[in-house]
PDB file of N, CA and C in Angstrom:
ATOM      1  N   MET A   1      13.351  41.049  10.072  1.00  0.00           N
ATOM      2  CA  MET A   1      12.154  39.639  10.297  1.00  0.00           C
ATOM      3  C   MET A   1      11.121  39.235   9.569  1.00  0.00           C
ATOM      4  N   LYS A   2      11.728  38.058  10.630  1.00  0.00           N
ATOM      5  CA  LYS A   2      11.545  36.650   9.997  1.00  0.00           C
ATOM      6  C   LYS A   2      10.124  36.400  10.738  1.00  0.00           C
ATOM      7  N   VAL A   3       8.717  35.842  10.452  1.00  0.00           N
ATOM      8  CA  VAL A   3       8.275  35.083  11.003  1.00  0.00           C
ATOM      9  C   VAL A   3       7.436  34.277  10.945  1.00  0.00           C
ATOM     10  N   SER A   4       7.280  33.032  11.141  1.00  0.00           N
ATOM     11  CA  SER A   4       7.207  31.004  11.082  1.00  0.00           C
ATOM     12  C   SER A   4       5.539  31.355  11.717  1.00  0.00           C
ATOM     13  N   VAL A   5       4.469  30.771  11.100  1.00  0.00           N
ATOM     14  CA  VAL A   5       3.080  30.093  11.291  1.00  0.00           C
ATOM     15  C   VAL A   5       2.920  28.780  10.757  1.00  0.00           C
ATOM     16  N   GLU A   6       2.594  28.226  11.908  1.00  0.00           N
ATOM     17  CA  GLU A   6       2.325  26.696  11.839  1.00  0.00           C
ATOM     18  C   GLU A   6       1.130  25.935  11.721  1.00  0.00           C
ATOM     19  N   ILE A   7       0.018  26.361  10.894  1.00  0.00           N
ATOM     20  CA  ILE A   7      -1.497  25.875  10.735  1.00  0.00           C
ATOM     21  C   ILE A   7      -1.613  24.061  11.063  1.00  0.00           C
ATOM     22  N   GLU A   8      -2.348  23.413  11.516  1.00  0.00           N
ATOM     23  CA  GLU A   8      -2.752  22.134  11.272  1.00  0.00           C
ATOM     24  C   GLU A   8      -4.026  21.895  11.547  1.00  0.00           C
ATOM     25  N   CYS A   9      -4.421  21.955  10.192  1.00  0.00           N
ATOM     26  CA  CYS A   9      -5.386  21.427   9.927  1.00  0.00           C
ATOM     27  C   CYS A   9      -5.945  20.626   8.466  1.00  0.00           C
ATOM     28  N   THR A  10      -6.895  19.626   8.191  1.00  0.00           N
ATOM     29  CA  THR A  10      -7.198  18.773   7.496  1.00  0.00           C
ATOM     30  C   THR A  10      -6.874  19.942   5.676  1.00  0.00           C
ATOM     31  N   PRO A  11      -6.914  19.214   3.948  1.00  0.00           N
ATOM     32  CA  PRO A  11      -7.209  19.958   3.179  1.00  0.00           C
ATOM     33  C   PRO A  11      -8.467  20.551   3.265  1.00  0.00           C
ATOM     34  N   ALA A  12      -9.663  19.062   3.199  1.00  0.00           N
ATOM     35  CA  ALA A  12     -11.212  19.963   3.602  1.00  0.00           C
ATOM     36  C   ALA A  12     -11.124  21.705   4.847  1.00  0.00           C
ATOM     37  N   GLU A  13     -10.655  21.366   5.635  1.00  0.00           N
ATOM     38  CA  GLU A  13     -10.688  22.483   6.666  1.00  0.00           C
ATOM     39  C   GLU A  13     -10.083  23.572   5.656  1.00  0.00           C
ATOM     40  N   ALA A  14      -8.970  23.510   5.459  1.00  0.00           N
ATOM     41  CA  ALA A  14      -8.160  24.510   4.311  1.00  0.00           C
ATOM     42  C   ALA A  14      -8.952  24.952   3.642  1.00  0.00           C
ATOM     43  N   ARG A  15      -9.418  23.981   2.639  1.00  0.00           N
ATOM     44  CA  ARG A  15     -10.022  24.510   1.327  1.00  0.00           C
ATOM     45  C   ARG A  15     -11.353  25.851   1.847  1.00  0.00           C
ATOM     46  N   ALA A  16     -12.038  25.007   2.793  1.00  0.00           N
ATOM     47  CA  ALA A  16     -13.124  25.620   3.611  1.00  0.00           C
ATOM     48  C   ALA A  16     -13.042  27.595   4.252  1.00  0.00           C
ATOM     49  N   PHE A  17     -11.332  27.330   4.827  1.00  0.00           N
ATOM     50  CA  PHE A  17     -10.438  28.531   5.119  1.00  0.00           C
ATOM     51  C   PHE A  17     -10.830  29.475   4.135  1.00  0.00           C
ATOM     52  N   PHE A  18     -10.311  28.962   2.815  1.00  0.00           N
ATOM     53  CA  PHE A  18     -10.076  30.072   2.144  1.00  0.00           C
ATOM     54  C   PHE A  18     -11.638  30.165   0.927  1.00  0.00           C
ATOM     55  N   GLY A  19     -12.538  29.647   1.138  1.00  0.00           N
ATOM     56  CA  GLY A  19     -14.091  29.476   0.428  1.00  0.00           C
ATOM     57  C   GLY A  19     -13.431  29.150  -0.646  1.00  0.00           C
ATOM     58  N   LEU A  20     -12.514  27.408  -0.947  1.00  0.00           N
ATOM     59  CA  LEU A  20     -12.689  26.885  -1.949  1.00  0.00           C
ATOM     60  C   LEU A  20     -13.995  25.862  -2.003  1.00  0.00           C
ATOM     61  N   PRO A  21     -14.608  26.178  -3.434  1.00  0.00           N
ATOM     62  CA  PRO A  21     -15.261  24.835  -3.416  1.00  0.00           C
ATOM     63  C   PRO A  21     -14.696  23.473  -3.189  1.00  0.00           C
ATOM     64  N   ASP A  22     -16.129  22.798  -2.095  1.00  0.00           N
ATOM     65  CA  ASP A  22     -15.336  20.819  -2.255  1.00  0.00           C
ATOM     66  C   ASP A  22     -15.722  20.134  -3.320  1.00  0.00           C
ATOM     67  N   MET A  23     -15.078  20.006  -4.095  1.00  0.00           N
ATOM     68  CA  MET A  23     -14.693  19.110  -5.030  1.00  0.00           C
ATOM     69  C   MET A  23     -15.063  17.764  -5.314  1.00  0.00           C
ATOM     70  N   THR A  24     -15.198  17.055  -3.856  1.00  0.00           N
ATOM     71  CA  THR A  24     -15.515  16.205  -3.532  1.00  0.00           C
ATOM     72  C   THR A  24     -16.116  15.129  -4.565  1.00  0.00           C
ATOM     73  N   PRO A  25     -17.477  15.211  -4.607  1.00  0.00           N
ATOM     74  CA  PRO A  25     -18.776  14.548  -5.364  1.00  0.00           C
ATOM     75  C   PRO A  25     -18.155  14.811  -7.104  1.00  0.00           C
ATOM     76  N   LEU A  26     -17.408  15.636  -7.803  1.00  0.00           N
ATOM     77  CA  LEU A  26     -16.850  16.154  -8.979  1.00  0.00           C
ATOM     78  C   LEU A  26     -16.012  14.737  -9.267  1.00  0.00           C
ATOM     79  N   ASN A  27     -14.638  14.929  -8.202  1.00  0.00           N
ATOM     80  CA  ASN A  27     -13.702  13.795  -8.219  1.00  0.00           C
ATOM     81  C   ASN A  27     -14.342  12.395  -8.309  1.00  0.00           C
ATOM     82  N   ASP A  28     -15.120  12.169  -7.280  1.00  0.00           N
ATOM     83  CA  ASP A  28     -16.002  11.338  -7.384  1.00  0.00           C
ATOM     84  C   ASP A  28     -16.484  10.646  -8.188  1.00  0.00           C
ATOM     85  N   MET A  29     -17.479  10.916  -9.168  1.00  0.00           N
ATOM     86  CA  MET A  29     -18.149  11.054 -10.050  1.00  0.00           C
ATOM     87  C   MET A  29     -16.886  10.659 -11.254  1.00  0.00           C
ATOM     88  N   MET A  30     -15.863  11.727 -11.296  1.00  0.00           N
ATOM     89  CA  MET A  30     -14.872  11.171 -12.146  1.00  0.00           C
ATOM     90  C   MET A  30     -13.920  10.008 -12.331  1.00  0.00           C
ATOM     91  N   MET A  31     -13.599   9.293 -10.924  1.00  0.00           N
ATOM     92  CA  MET A  31     -12.710   8.344 -10.544  1.00  0.00           C
ATOM     93  C   MET A  31     -14.202   7.352 -11.440  1.00  0.00           C
ATOM     94  N   GLU A  32     -15.569   7.490 -11.079  1.00  0.00           N
ATOM     95  CA  GLU A  32     -16.123   6.300 -11.629  1.00  0.00           C
ATOM     96  C   GLU A  32     -16.478   6.260 -12.498  1.00  0.00           C
ATOM     97  N   ARG A  33     -16.288   7.135 -13.885  1.00  0.00           N
ATOM     98  CA  ARG A  33     -15.829   6.768 -15.380  1.00  0.00           C
ATOM     99  C   ARG A  33     -14.736   6.662 -15.510  1.00  0.00           C
ATOM    100  N   VAL A  34     -13.419   7.049 -14.841  1.00  0.00           N
ATOM    101  CA  VAL A  34     -11.960   6.528 -15.399  1.00  0.00           C
ATOM    102  C   VAL A  34     -12.152   4.993 -14.821  1.00  0.00           C
ATOM    103  N   LYS A  35     -13.191   4.516 -13.711  1.00  0.00           N
ATOM    104  CA  LYS A  35     -13.089   2.662 -13.570  1.00  0.00           C
ATOM    105  C   LYS A  35     -13.779   2.381 -14.213  1.00  0.00           C
ATOM    106  N   SER A  36     -14.926   2.926 -14.967  1.00  0.00           N
ATOM    107  CA  SER A  36     -15.895   1.776 -15.955  1.00  0.00           C
ATOM    108  C   SER A  36     -15.603   1.775 -17.297  1.00  0.00           C
ATOM    109  N   SER A  37     -14.397   3.253 -17.528  1.00  0.00           N
ATOM    110  CA  SER A  37     -13.919   2.626 -18.970  1.00  0.00           C
ATOM    111  C   SER A  37     -12.589   2.119 -18.696  1.00  0.00           C
ATOM    112  N   THR A  38     -11.687   1.423 -18.087  1.00  0.00           N
ATOM    113  CA  THR A  38     -10.724   0.892 -18.223  1.00  0.00           C
ATOM    114  C   THR A  38     -10.559  -0.261 -18.886  1.00  0.00           C
ATOM    115  N   SER A  39     -11.720  -0.698 -18.788  1.00  0.00           N
ATOM    116  CA  SER A  39     -12.528  -2.127 -19.656  1.00  0.00           C
ATOM    117  C   SER A  39     -12.433  -1.872 -20.951  1.00  0.00           C
ATOM    118  N   MET A  40     -12.284  -0.536 -21.127  1.00  0.00           N
ATOM    119  CA  MET A  40     -12.415  -0.449 -22.535  1.00  0.00           C
ATOM    120  C   MET A  40     -10.836  -0.201 -23.323  1.00  0.00           C
ATOM    121  N   MET A  41      -9.583  -0.294 -22.349  1.00  0.00           N
ATOM    122  CA  MET A  41      -8.641  -0.149 -22.843  1.00  0.00           C
ATOM    123  C   MET A  41      -7.862  -1.501 -22.565  1.00  0.00           C
ATOM    124  N   ASP A  42      -8.357  -2.273 -22.327  1.00  0.00           N
ATOM    125  CA  ASP A  42      -8.081  -3.609 -21.605  1.00  0.00           C
ATOM    126  C   ASP A  42      -7.270  -4.128 -23.211  1.00  0.00           C
ATOM    127  N   ALA A  43      -6.161  -4.798 -23.757  1.00  0.00           N
ATOM    128  CA  ALA A  43      -5.455  -4.859 -24.604  1.00  0.00           C
ATOM    129  C   ALA A  43      -6.372  -6.353 -25.706  1.00  0.00           C
ATOM    130  N   GLU A  44      -6.784  -6.984 -24.739  1.00  0.00           N
ATOM    131  CA  GLU A  44      -7.800  -7.718 -25.425  1.00  0.00           C
ATOM    132  C   GLU A  44      -8.540  -7.343 -26.837  1.00  0.00           C
ATOM    133  N   SER A  45      -9.922  -6.692 -25.723  1.00  0.00           N
ATOM    134  CA  SER A  45     -10.516  -5.301 -26.625  1.00  0.00           C
ATOM    135  C   SER A  45     -10.124  -4.803 -27.815  1.00  0.00           C
ATOM    136  N   VAL A  46      -8.940  -3.934 -27.571  1.00  0.00           N
ATOM    137  CA  VAL A  46      -8.188  -2.936 -28.411  1.00  0.00           C
ATOM    138  C   VAL A  46      -7.523  -3.834 -29.540  1.00  0.00           C
ATOM    139  N   MET A  47      -7.260  -4.973 -29.580  1.00  0.00           N
ATOM    140  CA  MET A  47      -6.772  -5.606 -30.290  1.00  0.00           C
ATOM    141  C   MET A  47      -8.363  -6.747 -31.137  1.00  0.00           C
ATOM    142  N   LYS A  48      -9.127  -6.563 -30.490  1.00  0.00           N
ATOM    143  CA  LYS A  48     -10.549  -7.531 -31.361  1.00  0.00           C
ATOM    144  C   LYS A  48     -10.613  -6.340 -31.713  1.00  0.00           C
ATOM    145  N   THR A  49     -10.941  -4.860 -31.063  1.00  0.00           N
ATOM    146  CA  THR A  49     -11.636  -3.827 -31.999  1.00  0.00           C
ATOM    147  C   THR A  49     -10.343  -3.496 -33.221  1.00  0.00           C
ATOM    148  N   TRP A  50      -9.430  -3.745 -33.279  1.00  0.00           N
ATOM    149  CA  TRP A  50      -8.938  -3.458 -34.420  1.00  0.00           C
ATOM    150  C   TRP A  50      -8.567  -4.696 -35.644  1.00  0.00           C
ATOM    151  N   MET A  51      -8.961  -5.834 -35.070  1.00  0.00           N
ATOM    152  CA  MET A  51      -8.763  -6.847 -35.984  1.00  0.00           C
ATOM    153  C   MET A  51     -10.108  -6.901 -36.662  1.00  0.00           C
ATOM    154  N   ASN A  52     -11.372  -6.275 -35.948  1.00  0.00           N
ATOM    155  CA  ASN A  52     -13.033  -6.069 -36.901  1.00  0.00           C
ATOM    156  C   ASN A  52     -12.365  -4.859 -38.275  1.00  0.00           C
ATOM    157  N   PHE A  53     -11.715  -4.046 -37.836  1.00  0.00           N
ATOM    158  CA  PHE A  53     -11.253  -3.312 -39.664  1.00  0.00           C
ATOM    159  C   PHE A  53     -10.567  -3.649 -39.737  1.00  0.00           C
ATOM    160  N   GLY A  54      -9.571  -5.025 -39.797  1.00  0.00           N
ATOM    161  CA  GLY A  54      -9.111  -5.871 -40.616  1.00  0.00           C
ATOM    162  C   GLY A  54      -7.683  -5.249 -40.258  1.00  0.00           C
ATOM    163  N   GLY A  55      -6.626  -4.696 -41.202  1.00  0.00           N
ATOM    164  CA  GLY A  55      -5.521  -4.822 -40.866  1.00  0.00           C
ATOM    165  C   GLY A  55      -4.938  -3.271 -41.352  1.00  0.00           C
ATOM    166  N   ALA A  56      -6.155  -2.837 -42.058  1.00  0.00           N
ATOM    167  CA  ALA A  56      -5.566  -1.394 -42.002  1.00  0.00           C
ATOM    168  C   ALA A  56      -5.705  -0.641 -40.790  1.00  0.00           C
ATOM    169  N   ALA A  57      -6.004  -0.418 -39.513  1.00  0.00           N
ATOM    170  CA  ALA A  57      -6.229  -0.334 -38.675  1.00  0.00           C
ATOM    171  C   ALA A  57      -5.104  -0.352 -37.416  1.00  0.00           C
ATOM    172  N   GLN A  58      -4.618  -1.524 -38.101  1.00  0.00           N
ATOM    173  CA  GLN A  58      -2.730  -1.510 -37.472  1.00  0.00           C
ATOM    174  C   GLN A  58      -2.030  -0.227 -38.351  1.00  0.00           C
ATOM    175  N   GLU A  59      -2.114  -0.620 -39.273  1.00  0.00           N
ATOM    176  CA  GLU A  59      -1.004  -0.178 -40.674  1.00  0.00           C
ATOM    177  C   GLU A  59      -1.067   1.297 -40.233  1.00  0.00           C
ATOM    178  N   ASN A  60      -2.438   2.016 -39.831  1.00  0.00           N
ATOM    179  CA  ASN A  60      -2.843   3.503 -39.962  1.00  0.00           C
ATOM    180  C   ASN A  60      -2.001   3.991 -38.714  1.00  0.00           C
ATOM    181  N   PHE A  61      -2.679   3.096 -37.510  1.00  0.00           N
ATOM    182  CA  PHE A  61      -1.501   3.128 -36.146  1.00  0.00           C
ATOM    183  C   PHE A  61      -0.813   3.233 -35.702  1.00  0.00           C
ATOM    184  N   PHE A  62       0.250   1.795 -36.787  1.00  0.00           N
ATOM    185  CA  PHE A  62       2.190   2.102 -36.794  1.00  0.00           C
ATOM    186  C   PHE A  62       2.594   3.142 -37.604  1.00  0.00           C
ATOM    187  N   LYS A  63       1.823   3.583 -38.904  1.00  0.00           N
ATOM    188  CA  LYS A  63       1.921   5.053 -39.437  1.00  0.00           C
ATOM    189  C   LYS A  63       2.010   6.418 -38.856  1.00  0.00           C
ATOM    190  N   MET A  64       0.859   6.202 -37.566  1.00  0.00           N
ATOM    191  CA  MET A  64       0.795   7.211 -36.947  1.00  0.00           C
ATOM    192  C   MET A  64       2.074   7.551 -36.276  1.00  0.00           C
ATOM    193  N   MET A  65       1.900   6.211 -35.528  1.00  0.00           N
ATOM    194  CA  MET A  65       3.432   6.113 -34.088  1.00  0.00           C
ATOM    195  C   MET A  65       4.864   6.958 -35.068  1.00  0.00           C
ATOM    196  N   SER A  66       4.973   6.113 -35.954  1.00  0.00           N
ATOM    197  CA  SER A  66       6.523   6.605 -36.446  1.00  0.00           C
ATOM    198  C   SER A  66       6.617   7.396 -37.084  1.00  0.00           C
ATOM    199  N   GLY A  67       5.496   8.411 -37.653  1.00  0.00           N
ATOM    200  CA  GLY A  67       5.468   9.752 -38.069  1.00  0.00           C
ATOM    201  C   GLY A  67       5.620  10.230 -36.942  1.00  0.00           C
ATOM    202  N   ALA A  68       5.187  10.011 -35.399  1.00  0.00           N
ATOM    203  CA  ALA A  68       5.497  11.021 -34.218  1.00  0.00           C
ATOM    204  C   ALA A  68       6.859  10.814 -33.892  1.00  0.00           C
ATOM    205  N   LEU A  69       7.532   9.797 -34.144  1.00  0.00           N
ATOM    206  CA  LEU A  69       8.332   9.927 -33.724  1.00  0.00           C
ATOM    207  C   LEU A  69       9.839  10.151 -34.610  1.00  0.00           C
ATOM    208  N   PRO A  70      10.550  10.926 -34.455  1.00  0.00           N
ATOM    209  CA  PRO A  70      11.809  11.819 -35.911  1.00  0.00           C
ATOM    210  C   PRO A  70      12.766  10.607 -35.813  1.00  0.00           C
ATOM    211  N   GLY A  71      13.098  10.445 -37.078  1.00  0.00           N
ATOM    212  CA  GLY A  71      13.982   9.764 -37.654  1.00  0.00           C
ATOM    213  C   GLY A  71      13.722   7.790 -37.359  1.00  0.00           C
ATOM    214  N   VAL A  72      12.623   8.060 -37.755  1.00  0.00           N
ATOM    215  CA  VAL A  72      11.664   6.468 -37.570  1.00  0.00           C
ATOM    216  C   VAL A  72      10.902   6.242 -38.748  1.00  0.00           C
ATOM    217  N   LYS A  73      11.242   5.300 -39.223  1.00  0.00           N
ATOM    218  CA  LYS A  73      10.324   5.125 -40.797  1.00  0.00           C
ATOM    219  C   LYS A  73       9.991   3.446 -41.174  1.00  0.00           C
TER     220      LYS A  73
END
């Protein structure tokens, strides 16, 4: 015997039906943090930070990256 059941509901209604918590406020907070931290990931900001430490930071970064890739030296 094969039985198919089709239920039409929103994700919020499905979560409520199964007793799962509403994670929307937490998700919204985390997304705001991600959006606010994207300026720190700007290429110009990263290069300015590296240049403040001189070439040592770049050299260490390149060593770390080349060590992670097998066969690259």
